[in-house]
Amino acid sequence: EAMPVNSQGKSTEAALTALFDPKRPPFRVRERSPER
């Protein structure tokens, strides 16, 4: 839904590479709020 960003608002190569870790499940955001 949106690029992963760190606390500086940047999409780091490490964070993008982690998306392809076979241990990490693919997912999609359906709904989002501050607590849910």
ModelCIF file with pLDDT and N, C-alpha, C, O atoms, coordinates in Angstrom:
data_MODEL
#
_entry.id   MODEL 
#
_entity.id                         1 
_entity.type                       polymer 
_entity.pdbx_number_of_molecules   1 
#
_entity_poly.entity_id                      1 
_entity_poly.type                           'polypeptide(L)' 
_entity_poly.nstd_linkage                   no 
_entity_poly.nstd_monomer                   no 
_entity_poly.pdbx_seq_one_letter_code       EAMPVNSQGKSTEAALTALFDPKRPPFRVRERSPER 
_entity_poly.pdbx_seq_one_letter_code_can   EAMPVNSQGKSTEAALTALFDPKRPPFRVRERSPER 
_entity_poly.pdbx_strand_id                 A 
#
loop_
_entity_poly_seq.entity_id 
_entity_poly_seq.num 
_entity_poly_seq.mon_id 
_entity_poly_seq.hetero 
1 1  GLU n 
1 2  ALA n 
1 3  MET n 
1 4  PRO n 
1 5  VAL n 
1 6  ASN n 
1 7  SER n 
1 8  GLN n 
1 9  GLY n 
1 10 LYS n 
1 11 SER n 
1 12 THR n 
1 13 GLU n 
1 14 ALA n 
1 15 ALA n 
1 16 LEU n 
1 17 THR n 
1 18 ALA n 
1 19 LEU n 
1 20 PHE n 
1 21 ASP n 
1 22 PRO n 
1 23 LYS n 
1 24 ARG n 
1 25 PRO n 
1 26 PRO n 
1 27 PHE n 
1 28 ARG n 
1 29 VAL n 
1 30 ARG n 
1 31 GLU n 
1 32 ARG n 
1 33 SER n 
1 34 PRO n 
1 35 GLU n 
1 36 ARG n 
#
_struct_asym.id          A 
_struct_asym.entity_id   1 
#
loop_
_ma_qa_metric.id 
_ma_qa_metric.mode 
_ma_qa_metric.name 
_ma_qa_metric.software_group_id 
_ma_qa_metric.type 
1 global pLDDT . pLDDT 
2 local  pLDDT . pLDDT 
#
_ma_qa_metric_global.metric_id      1 
_ma_qa_metric_global.metric_value   78.92 
_ma_qa_metric_global.model_id       1 
_ma_qa_metric_global.ordinal_id     1 
#
loop_
_ma_qa_metric_local.label_asym_id 
_ma_qa_metric_local.label_comp_id 
_ma_qa_metric_local.label_seq_id 
_ma_qa_metric_local.metric_id 
_ma_qa_metric_local.metric_value 
_ma_qa_metric_local.model_id 
_ma_qa_metric_local.ordinal_id 
A GLU 1  2 74.00 1 1  
A ALA 2  2 75.00 1 2  
A MET 3  2 81.00 1 3  
A PRO 4  2 76.00 1 4  
A VAL 5  2 71.00 1 5  
A ASN 6  2 64.00 1 6  
A SER 7  2 57.00 1 7  
A GLN 8  2 61.00 1 8  
A GLY 9  2 64.00 1 9  
A LYS 10 2 70.00 1 10 
A SER 11 2 76.00 1 11 
A THR 12 2 78.00 1 12 
A GLU 13 2 82.00 1 13 
A ALA 14 2 79.00 1 14 
A ALA 15 2 80.00 1 15 
A LEU 16 2 88.00 1 16 
A THR 17 2 88.00 1 17 
A ALA 18 2 82.00 1 18 
A LEU 19 2 83.00 1 19 
A PHE 20 2 86.00 1 20 
A ASP 21 2 82.00 1 21 
A PRO 22 2 76.00 1 22 
A LYS 23 2 79.00 1 23 
A ARG 24 2 82.00 1 24 
A PRO 25 2 88.00 1 25 
A PRO 26 2 84.00 1 26 
A PHE 27 2 85.00 1 27 
A ARG 28 2 82.00 1 28 
A VAL 29 2 80.00 1 29 
A ARG 30 2 84.00 1 30 
A GLU 31 2 84.00 1 31 
A ARG 32 2 78.00 1 32 
A SER 33 2 83.00 1 33 
A PRO 34 2 80.00 1 34 
A GLU 35 2 88.00 1 35 
A ARG 36 2 91.00 1 36 
#
loop_
_atom_site.group_PDB 
_atom_site.id 
_atom_site.type_symbol 
_atom_site.label_atom_id 
_atom_site.label_alt_id 
_atom_site.label_comp_id 
_atom_site.label_asym_id 
_atom_site.label_entity_id 
_atom_site.label_seq_id 
_atom_site.pdbx_PDB_ins_code 
_atom_site.Cartn_x 
_atom_site.Cartn_y 
_atom_site.Cartn_z 
_atom_site.occupancy 
_atom_site.B_iso_or_equiv 
_atom_site.pdbx_formal_charge 
_atom_site.auth_seq_id 
_atom_site.auth_comp_id 
_atom_site.auth_asym_id 
_atom_site.auth_atom_id 
_atom_site.pdbx_PDB_model_num 
ATOM 1   N N  . GLU A 1 1  ? 0.826  -1.205  0.000  1.00 74.00 ? 1  GLU A N  1 
ATOM 2   C CA . GLU A 1 1  ? 0.000  0.000   0.000  1.00 74.00 ? 1  GLU A CA 1 
ATOM 3   C C  . GLU A 1 1  ? 0.861  1.256   0.000  1.00 74.00 ? 1  GLU A C  1 
ATOM 4   O O  . GLU A 1 1  ? 0.473  2.275   -0.570 1.00 74.00 ? 1  GLU A O  1 
ATOM 5   N N  . ALA A 1 2  ? 2.024  1.189   0.634  1.00 75.00 ? 2  ALA A N  1 
ATOM 6   C CA . ALA A 1 2  ? 2.960  2.315   0.695  1.00 75.00 ? 2  ALA A CA 1 
ATOM 7   C C  . ALA A 1 2  ? 4.346  1.758   0.947  1.00 75.00 ? 2  ALA A C  1 
ATOM 8   O O  . ALA A 1 2  ? 4.497  0.701   1.560  1.00 75.00 ? 2  ALA A O  1 
ATOM 9   N N  . MET A 1 3  ? 5.357  2.470   0.473  1.00 81.00 ? 3  MET A N  1 
ATOM 10  C CA . MET A 1 3  ? 6.728  2.036   0.696  1.00 81.00 ? 3  MET A CA 1 
ATOM 11  C C  . MET A 1 3  ? 7.047  2.062   2.194  1.00 81.00 ? 3  MET A C  1 
ATOM 12  O O  . MET A 1 3  ? 6.627  2.983   2.895  1.00 81.00 ? 3  MET A O  1 
ATOM 13  N N  . PRO A 1 4  ? 7.780  1.069   2.689  1.00 76.00 ? 4  PRO A N  1 
ATOM 14  C CA . PRO A 1 4  ? 8.184  1.119   4.099  1.00 76.00 ? 4  PRO A CA 1 
ATOM 15  C C  . PRO A 1 4  ? 9.168  2.254   4.311  1.00 76.00 ? 4  PRO A C  1 
ATOM 16  O O  . PRO A 1 4  ? 10.106 2.428   3.534  1.00 76.00 ? 4  PRO A O  1 
ATOM 17  N N  . VAL A 1 5  ? 8.951  3.024   5.363  1.00 71.00 ? 5  VAL A N  1 
ATOM 18  C CA . VAL A 1 5  ? 9.850  4.138   5.650  1.00 71.00 ? 5  VAL A CA 1 
ATOM 19  C C  . VAL A 1 5  ? 10.311 4.046   7.090  1.00 71.00 ? 5  VAL A C  1 
ATOM 20  O O  . VAL A 1 5  ? 9.612  3.510   7.949  1.00 71.00 ? 5  VAL A O  1 
ATOM 21  N N  . ASN A 1 6  ? 11.505 4.579   7.343  1.00 64.00 ? 6  ASN A N  1 
ATOM 22  C CA . ASN A 1 6  ? 12.016 4.608   8.705  1.00 64.00 ? 6  ASN A CA 1 
ATOM 23  C C  . ASN A 1 6  ? 11.609 5.905   9.380  1.00 64.00 ? 6  ASN A C  1 
ATOM 24  O O  . ASN A 1 6  ? 10.796 6.657   8.842  1.00 64.00 ? 6  ASN A O  1 
ATOM 25  N N  . SER A 1 7  ? 12.160 6.172   10.542 1.00 57.00 ? 7  SER A N  1 
ATOM 26  C CA . SER A 1 7  ? 11.775 7.366   11.301 1.00 57.00 ? 7  SER A CA 1 
ATOM 27  C C  . SER A 1 7  ? 12.169 8.651   10.594 1.00 57.00 ? 7  SER A C  1 
ATOM 28  O O  . SER A 1 7  ? 11.690 9.726   10.956 1.00 57.00 ? 7  SER A O  1 
ATOM 29  N N  . GLN A 1 8  ? 13.038 8.558   9.589  1.00 61.00 ? 8  GLN A N  1 
ATOM 30  C CA . GLN A 1 8  ? 13.420 9.742   8.810  1.00 61.00 ? 8  GLN A CA 1 
ATOM 31  C C  . GLN A 1 8  ? 12.593 9.876   7.548  1.00 61.00 ? 8  GLN A C  1 
ATOM 32  O O  . GLN A 1 8  ? 12.833 10.774  6.742  1.00 61.00 ? 8  GLN A O  1 
ATOM 33  N N  . GLY A 1 9  ? 11.601 8.975   7.362  1.00 64.00 ? 9  GLY A N  1 
ATOM 34  C CA . GLY A 1 9  ? 10.778 9.029   6.170  1.00 64.00 ? 9  GLY A CA 1 
ATOM 35  C C  . GLY A 1 9  ? 11.456 8.469   4.940  1.00 64.00 ? 9  GLY A C  1 
ATOM 36  O O  . GLY A 1 9  ? 11.029 8.755   3.821  1.00 64.00 ? 9  GLY A O  1 
ATOM 37  N N  . LYS A 1 10 ? 12.509 7.671   5.116  1.00 70.00 ? 10 LYS A N  1 
ATOM 38  C CA . LYS A 1 10 ? 13.252 7.118   3.983  1.00 70.00 ? 10 LYS A CA 1 
ATOM 39  C C  . LYS A 1 10 ? 12.976 5.620   3.841  1.00 70.00 ? 10 LYS A C  1 
ATOM 40  O O  . LYS A 1 10 ? 12.780 4.911   4.829  1.00 70.00 ? 10 LYS A O  1 
ATOM 41  N N  . SER A 1 11 ? 12.967 5.157   2.586  1.00 76.00 ? 11 SER A N  1 
ATOM 42  C CA . SER A 1 11 ? 12.883 3.730   2.301  1.00 76.00 ? 11 SER A CA 1 
ATOM 43  C C  . SER A 1 11 ? 14.301 3.205   2.132  1.00 76.00 ? 11 SER A C  1 
ATOM 44  O O  . SER A 1 11 ? 14.926 3.441   1.098  1.00 76.00 ? 11 SER A O  1 
ATOM 45  N N  . THR A 1 12 ? 14.808 2.512   3.112  1.00 78.00 ? 12 THR A N  1 
ATOM 46  C CA . THR A 1 12 ? 16.182 2.037   3.059  1.00 78.00 ? 12 THR A CA 1 
ATOM 47  C C  . THR A 1 12 ? 16.262 0.732   2.265  1.00 78.00 ? 12 THR A C  1 
ATOM 48  O O  . THR A 1 12 ? 15.290 -0.017  2.167  1.00 78.00 ? 12 THR A O  1 
ATOM 49  N N  . GLU A 1 13 ? 17.441 0.481   1.705  1.00 82.00 ? 13 GLU A N  1 
ATOM 50  C CA . GLU A 1 13 ? 17.623 -0.760  0.957  1.00 82.00 ? 13 GLU A CA 1 
ATOM 51  C C  . GLU A 1 13 ? 17.481 -1.964  1.874  1.00 82.00 ? 13 GLU A C  1 
ATOM 52  O O  . GLU A 1 13 ? 16.979 -3.006  1.453  1.00 82.00 ? 13 GLU A O  1 
ATOM 53  N N  . ALA A 1 14 ? 17.914 -1.835  3.119  1.00 79.00 ? 14 ALA A N  1 
ATOM 54  C CA . ALA A 1 14 ? 17.782 -2.948  4.063  1.00 79.00 ? 14 ALA A CA 1 
ATOM 55  C C  . ALA A 1 14 ? 16.312 -3.294  4.291  1.00 79.00 ? 14 ALA A C  1 
ATOM 56  O O  . ALA A 1 14 ? 15.946 -4.469  4.320  1.00 79.00 ? 14 ALA A O  1 
ATOM 57  N N  . ALA A 1 15 ? 15.465 -2.264  4.455  1.00 80.00 ? 15 ALA A N  1 
ATOM 58  C CA . ALA A 1 15 ? 14.039 -2.520  4.685  1.00 80.00 ? 15 ALA A CA 1 
ATOM 59  C C  . ALA A 1 15 ? 13.384 -3.127  3.452  1.00 80.00 ? 15 ALA A C  1 
ATOM 60  O O  . ALA A 1 15 ? 12.526 -4.002  3.569  1.00 80.00 ? 15 ALA A O  1 
ATOM 61  N N  . LEU A 1 16 ? 13.784 -2.666  2.268  1.00 88.00 ? 16 LEU A N  1 
ATOM 62  C CA . LEU A 1 16 ? 13.217 -3.217  1.039  1.00 88.00 ? 16 LEU A CA 1 
ATOM 63  C C  . LEU A 1 16 ? 13.671 -4.656  0.832  1.00 88.00 ? 16 LEU A C  1 
ATOM 64  O O  . LEU A 1 16 ? 12.876 -5.507  0.434  1.00 88.00 ? 16 LEU A O  1 
ATOM 65  N N  . THR A 1 17 ? 14.942 -4.931  1.098  1.00 88.00 ? 17 THR A N  1 
ATOM 66  C CA . THR A 1 17 ? 15.451 -6.300  0.954  1.00 88.00 ? 17 THR A CA 1 
ATOM 67  C C  . THR A 1 17 ? 14.754 -7.250  1.912  1.00 88.00 ? 17 THR A C  1 
ATOM 68  O O  . THR A 1 17 ? 14.500 -8.406  1.574  1.00 88.00 ? 17 THR A O  1 
ATOM 69  N N  . ALA A 1 18 ? 14.442 -6.760  3.113  1.00 82.00 ? 18 ALA A N  1 
ATOM 70  C CA . ALA A 1 18 ? 13.784 -7.606  4.111  1.00 82.00 ? 18 ALA A CA 1 
ATOM 71  C C  . ALA A 1 18 ? 12.410 -8.088  3.643  1.00 82.00 ? 18 ALA A C  1 
ATOM 72  O O  . ALA A 1 18 ? 11.911 -9.101  4.134  1.00 82.00 ? 18 ALA A O  1 
ATOM 73  N N  . LEU A 1 19 ? 11.796 -7.368  2.695  1.00 83.00 ? 19 LEU A N  1 
ATOM 74  C CA . LEU A 1 19 ? 10.497 -7.785  2.181  1.00 83.00 ? 19 LEU A CA 1 
ATOM 75  C C  . LEU A 1 19 ? 10.571 -9.121  1.448  1.00 83.00 ? 19 LEU A C  1 
ATOM 76  O O  . LEU A 1 19 ? 9.557  -9.793  1.260  1.00 83.00 ? 19 LEU A O  1 
ATOM 77  N N  . PHE A 1 20 ? 11.779 -9.498  1.037  1.00 86.00 ? 20 PHE A N  1 
ATOM 78  C CA . PHE A 1 20 ? 11.947 -10.741 0.273  1.00 86.00 ? 20 PHE A CA 1 
ATOM 79  C C  . PHE A 1 20 ? 12.509 -11.870 1.132  1.00 86.00 ? 20 PHE A C  1 
ATOM 80  O O  . PHE A 1 20 ? 12.839 -12.935 0.611  1.00 86.00 ? 20 PHE A O  1 
ATOM 81  N N  . ASP A 1 21 ? 12.620 -11.655 2.413  1.00 82.00 ? 21 ASP A N  1 
ATOM 82  C CA . ASP A 1 21 ? 13.039 -12.708 3.323  1.00 82.00 ? 21 ASP A CA 1 
ATOM 83  C C  . ASP A 1 21 ? 11.989 -13.816 3.285  1.00 82.00 ? 21 ASP A C  1 
ATOM 84  O O  . ASP A 1 21 ? 10.811 -13.552 3.527  1.00 82.00 ? 21 ASP A O  1 
ATOM 85  N N  . PRO A 1 22 ? 12.393 -15.046 2.988  1.00 76.00 ? 22 PRO A N  1 
ATOM 86  C CA . PRO A 1 22 ? 11.396 -16.127 2.895  1.00 76.00 ? 22 PRO A CA 1 
ATOM 87  C C  . PRO A 1 22 ? 10.652 -16.369 4.199  1.00 76.00 ? 22 PRO A C  1 
ATOM 88  O O  . PRO A 1 22 ? 9.596  -17.002 4.201  1.00 76.00 ? 22 PRO A O  1 
ATOM 89  N N  . LYS A 1 23 ? 11.191 -15.873 5.308  1.00 79.00 ? 23 LYS A N  1 
ATOM 90  C CA . LYS A 1 23 ? 10.516 -16.056 6.584  1.00 79.00 ? 23 LYS A CA 1 
ATOM 91  C C  . LYS A 1 23 ? 9.437  -14.999 6.828  1.00 79.00 ? 23 LYS A C  1 
ATOM 92  O O  . LYS A 1 23 ? 8.648  -15.127 7.764  1.00 79.00 ? 23 LYS A O  1 
ATOM 93  N N  . ARG A 1 24 ? 9.396  -13.973 6.007  1.00 82.00 ? 24 ARG A N  1 
ATOM 94  C CA . ARG A 1 24 ? 8.428  -12.889 6.184  1.00 82.00 ? 24 ARG A CA 1 
ATOM 95  C C  . ARG A 1 24 ? 7.226  -13.129 5.284  1.00 82.00 ? 24 ARG A C  1 
ATOM 96  O O  . ARG A 1 24 ? 7.402  -13.326 4.082  1.00 82.00 ? 24 ARG A O  1 
ATOM 97  N N  . PRO A 1 25 ? 6.009  -13.121 5.823  1.00 88.00 ? 25 PRO A N  1 
ATOM 98  C CA . PRO A 1 25 ? 4.841  -13.424 4.992  1.00 88.00 ? 25 PRO A CA 1 
ATOM 99  C C  . PRO A 1 25 ? 4.440  -12.225 4.121  1.00 88.00 ? 25 PRO A C  1 
ATOM 100 O O  . PRO A 1 25 ? 4.475  -11.087 4.588  1.00 88.00 ? 25 PRO A O  1 
ATOM 101 N N  . PRO A 1 26 ? 4.062  -12.472 2.864  1.00 84.00 ? 26 PRO A N  1 
ATOM 102 C CA . PRO A 1 26 ? 3.499  -11.378 2.063  1.00 84.00 ? 26 PRO A CA 1 
ATOM 103 C C  . PRO A 1 26 ? 2.168  -10.928 2.673  1.00 84.00 ? 26 PRO A C  1 
ATOM 104 O O  . PRO A 1 26 ? 1.385  -11.754 3.144  1.00 84.00 ? 26 PRO A O  1 
ATOM 105 N N  . PHE A 1 27 ? 1.918  -9.622  2.660  1.00 85.00 ? 27 PHE A N  1 
ATOM 106 C CA . PHE A 1 27 ? 0.661  -9.139  3.233  1.00 85.00 ? 27 PHE A CA 1 
ATOM 107 C C  . PHE A 1 27 ? 0.224  -7.869  2.515  1.00 85.00 ? 27 PHE A C  1 
ATOM 108 O O  . PHE A 1 27 ? 0.997  -7.238  1.794  1.00 85.00 ? 27 PHE A O  1 
ATOM 109 N N  . ARG A 1 28 ? -1.039 -7.516  2.735  1.00 82.00 ? 28 ARG A N  1 
ATOM 110 C CA . ARG A 1 28 ? -1.598 -6.279  2.217  1.00 82.00 ? 28 ARG A CA 1 
ATOM 111 C C  . ARG A 1 28 ? -2.421 -5.612  3.297  1.00 82.00 ? 28 ARG A C  1 
ATOM 112 O O  . ARG A 1 28 ? -3.126 -6.287  4.047  1.00 82.00 ? 28 ARG A O  1 
ATOM 113 N N  . VAL A 1 29 ? -2.341 -4.290  3.388  1.00 80.00 ? 29 VAL A N  1 
ATOM 114 C CA . VAL A 1 29 ? -3.107 -3.562  4.403  1.00 80.00 ? 29 VAL A CA 1 
ATOM 115 C C  . VAL A 1 29 ? -4.532 -3.371  3.907  1.00 80.00 ? 29 VAL A C  1 
ATOM 116 O O  . VAL A 1 29 ? -4.763 -2.848  2.817  1.00 80.00 ? 29 VAL A O  1 
ATOM 117 N N  . ARG A 1 30 ? -5.476 -3.803  4.723  1.00 84.00 ? 30 ARG A N  1 
ATOM 118 C CA . ARG A 1 30 ? -6.896 -3.580  4.396  1.00 84.00 ? 30 ARG A CA 1 
ATOM 119 C C  . ARG A 1 30 ? -7.445 -2.356  5.117  1.00 84.00 ? 30 ARG A C  1 
ATOM 120 O O  . ARG A 1 30 ? -8.131 -1.530  4.515  1.00 84.00 ? 30 ARG A O  1 
ATOM 121 N N  . GLU A 1 31 ? -7.144 -2.243  6.399  1.00 84.00 ? 31 GLU A N  1 
ATOM 122 C CA . GLU A 1 31 ? -7.601 -1.103  7.196  1.00 84.00 ? 31 GLU A CA 1 
ATOM 123 C C  . GLU A 1 31 ? -6.483 -0.704  8.139  1.00 84.00 ? 31 GLU A C  1 
ATOM 124 O O  . GLU A 1 31 ? -5.691 -1.541  8.571  1.00 84.00 ? 31 GLU A O  1 
ATOM 125 N N  . ARG A 1 32 ? -6.426 0.615   8.462  1.00 78.00 ? 32 ARG A N  1 
ATOM 126 C CA . ARG A 1 32 ? -5.377 1.057   9.372  1.00 78.00 ? 32 ARG A CA 1 
ATOM 127 C C  . ARG A 1 32 ? -5.877 2.245   10.177 1.00 78.00 ? 32 ARG A C  1 
ATOM 128 O O  . ARG A 1 32 ? -6.523 3.143   9.638  1.00 78.00 ? 32 ARG A O  1 
ATOM 129 N N  . SER A 1 33 ? -5.574 2.244   11.468 1.00 83.00 ? 33 SER A N  1 
ATOM 130 C CA . SER A 1 33 ? -5.849 3.379   12.353 1.00 83.00 ? 33 SER A CA 1 
ATOM 131 C C  . SER A 1 33 ? -4.713 3.422   13.363 1.00 83.00 ? 33 SER A C  1 
ATOM 132 O O  . SER A 1 33 ? -3.876 2.518   13.374 1.00 83.00 ? 33 SER A O  1 
ATOM 133 N N  . PRO A 1 34 ? -4.656 4.453   14.220 1.00 80.00 ? 34 PRO A N  1 
ATOM 134 C CA . PRO A 1 34 ? -3.548 4.528   15.182 1.00 80.00 ? 34 PRO A CA 1 
ATOM 135 C C  . PRO A 1 34 ? -3.443 3.339   16.125 1.00 80.00 ? 34 PRO A C  1 
ATOM 136 O O  . PRO A 1 34 ? -2.348 3.009   16.579 1.00 80.00 ? 34 PRO A O  1 
ATOM 137 N N  . GLU A 1 35 ? -4.583 2.679   16.432 1.00 88.00 ? 35 GLU A N  1 
ATOM 138 C CA . GLU A 1 35 ? -4.540 1.568   17.394 1.00 88.00 ? 35 GLU A CA 1 
ATOM 139 C C  . GLU A 1 35 ? -4.880 0.222   16.774 1.00 88.00 ? 35 GLU A C  1 
ATOM 140 O O  . GLU A 1 35 ? -4.868 -0.787  17.478 1.00 88.00 ? 35 GLU A O  1 
ATOM 141 N N  . ARG A 1 36 ? -5.182 0.173   15.478 1.00 91.00 ? 36 ARG A N  1 
ATOM 142 C CA . ARG A 1 36 ? -5.626 -1.092  14.881 1.00 91.00 ? 36 ARG A CA 1 
ATOM 143 C C  . ARG A 1 36 ? -5.227 -1.151  13.416 1.00 91.00 ? 36 ARG A C  1 
ATOM 144 O O  . ARG A 1 36 ? -5.511 -2.138  12.738 1.00 91.00 ? 36 ARG A O  1 
#
